Every structure is written in C-alpha cells, then in structure tokens.
Amino acid sequence: QVQVVESGGGLVQTGGSLRLSCAASGGFFSIKAMGWYRQAPGKQRELVGTITFGAGTNYADSVKGRFTISRDNAKNTVYLQMNSLKPEDTAVYYCNADVVLLSSSRRNYWGQGTQVTVSS
C-alpha cells in the first residue's frame, strides 16, 4: 500500500507565505511525478502544479510567479512554497503521487489534504 501525507497548512494573512509538504511512502518502485491540487468550499478540485522526478514543473496560471514546487528525491517528498497569498487561495490542498508499484503497474494516490486559509 502507498501512503501520501500532506502537512504545513494553516491560517495566514494576505501577502503572507506558507510552505506545504507531501511525503509518499509504502510499496512502490519509483515516483514518476507528484502534484498539488486544491478544492475551495463548494467548488471542484483544481490543479495547482506538478513536478516530475526526472524533468520539470508546471503551474496553473492563477499561481504562476507566486507558488513554487520543489522535491527531495531521497525523502520521496515534494514541497509547495506559497508566497504573496490571496484570499482566493483559501482551500484544502491535496497532494497526488503518480507512482510505479513493485508490480510495475502505474497508479495515482491521494493524500487527505491540508487546510490553507488566507485572511483579508
């Protein structure tokens, strides 16, 4: 089984910063990519950004220039550095891990989410 755990959420004021972490563990052979998604109250989940473990990153237009994804391959962990936060960034942030299992199957796993609230 594969576990994905997010942490680092909290309450910040407009213009502030927050750093989220996502760690993957369990029975997988390798991580192909990890991504951050968010879901605001009453709305659909949307992409924030992704990072491949062999290449680069991509971001939603709404967060470009403010958010940065990085990784620590040795710890199977990705980070989401969020700067210049706005009230519209308020959401539950979810991490997704795209992994190759020991069986060689390709699967996606979701974390439980971490709440980010930006006050005005």
C-alpha atoms as a PDB file:
ATOM      1  CA  GLN A   1       0.000   0.000   0.000  1.00  0.00           C
ATOM      2  CA  VAL A   2       1.085   3.558  -0.722  1.00  0.00           C
ATOM      3  CA  GLN A   3       0.525   6.403   1.717  1.00  0.00           C
ATOM      4  CA  VAL A   4       0.552  10.091   0.831  1.00  0.00           C
ATOM      5  CA  VAL A   5       0.567  12.617   3.678  1.00  0.00           C
ATOM      6  CA  GLU A   6       0.349  16.412   3.430  1.00  0.00           C
ATOM      7  CA  SER A   7       1.326  18.852   6.149  1.00  0.00           C
ATOM      8  CA  GLY A   8       2.024  22.536   6.696  1.00  0.00           C
ATOM      9  CA  GLY A   9      -1.379  24.114   6.240  1.00  0.00           C
ATOM     10  CA  GLY A  10      -2.618  26.910   8.431  1.00  0.00           C
ATOM     11  CA  LEU A  11      -4.013  30.427   8.639  1.00  0.00           C
ATOM     12  CA  VAL A  12      -2.054  33.311   7.131  1.00  0.00           C
ATOM     13  CA  GLN A  13      -2.836  36.895   6.233  1.00  0.00           C
ATOM     14  CA  THR A  14      -2.975  38.334   2.738  1.00  0.00           C
ATOM     15  CA  GLY A  15       0.517  38.733   1.317  1.00  0.00           C
ATOM     16  CA  GLY A  16       1.977  36.118   3.620  1.00  0.00           C
ATOM     17  CA  SER A  17       3.730  32.848   2.869  1.00  0.00           C
ATOM     18  CA  LEU A  18       3.230  29.193   3.678  1.00  0.00           C
ATOM     19  CA  ARG A  19       5.133  26.018   2.841  1.00  0.00           C
ATOM     20  CA  LEU A  20       3.339  22.708   2.372  1.00  0.00           C
ATOM     21  CA  SER A  21       4.971  19.280   2.399  1.00  0.00           C
ATOM     22  CA  CYS A  22       3.879  15.987   0.879  1.00  0.00           C
ATOM     23  CA  ALA A  23       5.582  12.685   1.634  1.00  0.00           C
ATOM     24  CA  ALA A  24       4.925   9.395  -0.130  1.00  0.00           C
ATOM     25  CA  SER A  25       5.762   6.036   1.418  1.00  0.00           C
ATOM     26  CA  GLY A  26       4.985   2.349   1.038  1.00  0.00           C
ATOM     27  CA  GLY A  27       5.218  -0.323  -1.610  1.00  0.00           C
ATOM     28  CA  PHE A  28       6.196   1.473  -4.787  1.00  0.00           C
ATOM     29  CA  PHE A  29       9.194   1.139  -7.037  1.00  0.00           C
ATOM     30  CA  SER A  30       9.520   4.746  -8.101  1.00  0.00           C
ATOM     31  CA  ILE A  31       7.709   8.067  -8.277  1.00  0.00           C
ATOM     32  CA  LYS A  32       7.064   9.419 -11.744  1.00  0.00           C
ATOM     33  CA  ALA A  33       5.512  12.702 -10.658  1.00  0.00           C
ATOM     34  CA  MET A  34       3.776  14.439  -7.785  1.00  0.00           C
ATOM     35  CA  GLY A  35       1.251  17.213  -7.911  1.00  0.00           C
ATOM     36  CA  TRP A  36      -0.642  19.709  -5.813  1.00  0.00           C
ATOM     37  CA  TYR A  37      -4.363  20.318  -6.203  1.00  0.00           C
ATOM     38  CA  ARG A  38      -6.809  22.421  -4.232  1.00  0.00           C
ATOM     39  CA  GLN A  39     -10.525  22.499  -3.557  1.00  0.00           C
ATOM     40  CA  ALA A  40     -12.337  25.552  -2.230  1.00  0.00           C
ATOM     41  CA  PRO A  41     -15.673  25.195  -0.396  1.00  0.00           C
ATOM     42  CA  GLY A  42     -18.450  24.326  -2.831  1.00  0.00           C
ATOM     43  CA  LYS A  43     -16.096  24.129  -5.804  1.00  0.00           C
ATOM     44  CA  GLN A  44     -14.370  21.451  -7.852  1.00  0.00           C
ATOM     45  CA  ARG A  45     -10.824  20.333  -7.278  1.00  0.00           C
ATOM     46  CA  GLU A  46      -8.337  22.139  -9.496  1.00  0.00           C
ATOM     47  CA  LEU A  47      -4.694  21.741 -10.432  1.00  0.00           C
ATOM     48  CA  VAL A  48      -2.158  23.934  -8.661  1.00  0.00           C
ATOM     49  CA  GLY A  49       1.048  22.496 -10.074  1.00  0.00           C
ATOM     50  CA  THR A  50       3.020  19.338 -10.755  1.00  0.00           C
ATOM     51  CA  ILE A  51       6.623  18.206 -10.750  1.00  0.00           C
ATOM     52  CA  THR A  52       8.169  15.218 -12.479  1.00  0.00           C
ATOM     53  CA  PHE A  53      11.010  13.419 -10.774  1.00  0.00           C
ATOM     54  CA  GLY A  54      13.021  13.373 -13.979  1.00  0.00           C
ATOM     55  CA  ALA A  55      12.196  16.721 -15.565  1.00  0.00           C
ATOM     56  CA  GLY A  56      10.449  19.950 -14.611  1.00  0.00           C
ATOM     57  CA  THR A  57       7.365  21.686 -13.270  1.00  0.00           C
ATOM     58  CA  ASN A  58       4.135  23.206 -14.474  1.00  0.00           C
ATOM     59  CA  TYR A  59       1.691  25.552 -12.749  1.00  0.00           C
ATOM     60  CA  ALA A  60      -1.811  26.853 -13.076  1.00  0.00           C
ATOM     61  CA  ASP A  61      -1.946  30.401 -14.418  1.00  0.00           C
ATOM     62  CA  SER A  62      -3.504  31.619 -11.176  1.00  0.00           C
ATOM     63  CA  VAL A  63      -0.407  30.744  -9.134  1.00  0.00           C
ATOM     64  CA  LYS A  64       2.451  31.335 -11.575  1.00  0.00           C
ATOM     65  CA  GLY A  65       5.071  33.622 -10.099  1.00  0.00           C
ATOM     66  CA  ARG A  66       3.769  33.095  -6.566  1.00  0.00           C
ATOM     67  CA  PHE A  67       3.961  29.345  -5.925  1.00  0.00           C
ATOM     68  CA  THR A  68       6.970  27.075  -6.369  1.00  0.00           C
ATOM     69  CA  ILE A  69       7.144  23.278  -6.284  1.00  0.00           C
ATOM     70  CA  SER A  70      10.358  21.525  -5.297  1.00  0.00           C
ATOM     71  CA  ARG A  71      11.317  17.968  -4.411  1.00  0.00           C
ATOM     72  CA  ASP A  72      13.610  15.869  -2.257  1.00  0.00           C
ATOM     73  CA  ASN A  73      14.043  12.584  -4.104  1.00  0.00           C
ATOM     74  CA  ALA A  74      15.785  10.869  -1.192  1.00  0.00           C
ATOM     75  CA  LYS A  75      12.779  11.530   1.062  1.00  0.00           C
ATOM     76  CA  ASN A  76      10.100  10.970  -1.595  1.00  0.00           C
ATOM     77  CA  THR A  77       8.808  14.395  -0.660  1.00  0.00           C
ATOM     78  CA  VAL A  78       7.600  17.444  -2.550  1.00  0.00           C
ATOM     79  CA  TYR A  79       7.063  20.953  -1.251  1.00  0.00           C
ATOM     80  CA  LEU A  80       4.778  23.778  -2.246  1.00  0.00           C
ATOM     81  CA  GLN A  81       6.149  27.198  -1.357  1.00  0.00           C
ATOM     82  CA  MET A  82       3.299  29.699  -1.479  1.00  0.00           C
ATOM     83  CA  ASN A  83       4.113  33.404  -1.474  1.00  0.00           C
ATOM     84  CA  SER A  84       2.013  36.546  -1.867  1.00  0.00           C
ATOM     85  CA  LEU A  85      -1.043  34.646  -0.733  1.00  0.00           C
ATOM     86  CA  LYS A  86      -4.506  35.945  -1.562  1.00  0.00           C
ATOM     87  CA  PRO A  87      -7.904  35.184  -0.002  1.00  0.00           C
ATOM     88  CA  GLU A  88      -8.842  33.283  -3.164  1.00  0.00           C
ATOM     89  CA  ASP A  89      -6.047  30.816  -2.382  1.00  0.00           C
ATOM     90  CA  THR A  90      -8.108  29.573   0.563  1.00  0.00           C
ATOM     91  CA  ALA A  91      -8.812  25.875   0.012  1.00  0.00           C
ATOM     92  CA  VAL A  92      -7.984  22.370   1.082  1.00  0.00           C
ATOM     93  CA  TYR A  93      -4.744  21.455  -0.649  1.00  0.00           C
ATOM     94  CA  TYR A  94      -4.272  17.867  -1.780  1.00  0.00           C
ATOM     95  CA  CYS A  95      -1.184  16.018  -2.888  1.00  0.00           C
ATOM     96  CA  ASN A  96      -1.187  13.351  -5.589  1.00  0.00           C
ATOM     97  CA  ALA A  97       1.571  10.826  -6.190  1.00  0.00           C
ATOM     98  CA  ASP A  98       1.953   9.166  -9.584  1.00  0.00           C
ATOM     99  CA  VAL A  99       3.939   6.023  -8.850  1.00  0.00           C
ATOM    100  CA  VAL A 100       5.145   2.779 -10.343  1.00  0.00           C
ATOM    101  CA  LEU A 101       4.314  -0.083  -7.986  1.00  0.00           C
ATOM    102  CA  LEU A 102       6.577  -3.025  -7.281  1.00  0.00           C
ATOM    103  CA  SER A 103       4.396  -4.985  -9.694  1.00  0.00           C
ATOM    104  CA  SER A 104       5.302  -2.399 -12.376  1.00  0.00           C
ATOM    105  CA  SER A 105       1.725  -1.073 -12.509  1.00  0.00           C
ATOM    106  CA  ARG A 106       1.238   2.701 -12.735  1.00  0.00           C
ATOM    107  CA  ARG A 107      -1.100   4.202 -10.108  1.00  0.00           C
ATOM    108  CA  ASN A 108      -2.148   7.508  -8.555  1.00  0.00           C
ATOM    109  CA  TYR A 109      -2.633   8.042  -4.815  1.00  0.00           C
ATOM    110  CA  TRP A 110      -4.171  10.978  -2.962  1.00  0.00           C
ATOM    111  CA  GLY A 111      -3.418  12.425   0.439  1.00  0.00           C
ATOM    112  CA  GLN A 112      -6.041  13.513   2.964  1.00  0.00           C
ATOM    113  CA  GLY A 113      -5.487  17.216   2.359  1.00  0.00           C
ATOM    114  CA  THR A 114      -4.360  20.158   4.444  1.00  0.00           C
ATOM    115  CA  GLN A 115      -6.343  23.350   5.019  1.00  0.00           C
ATOM    116  CA  VAL A 116      -4.954  26.702   3.907  1.00  0.00           C
ATOM    117  CA  THR A 117      -6.861  29.815   4.957  1.00  0.00           C
ATOM    118  CA  VAL A 118      -5.841  33.312   3.861  1.00  0.00           C
ATOM    119  CA  SER A 119      -7.438  36.155   5.772  1.00  0.00           C
ATOM    120  CA  SER A 120      -8.015  39.654   4.434  1.00  0.00           C
END
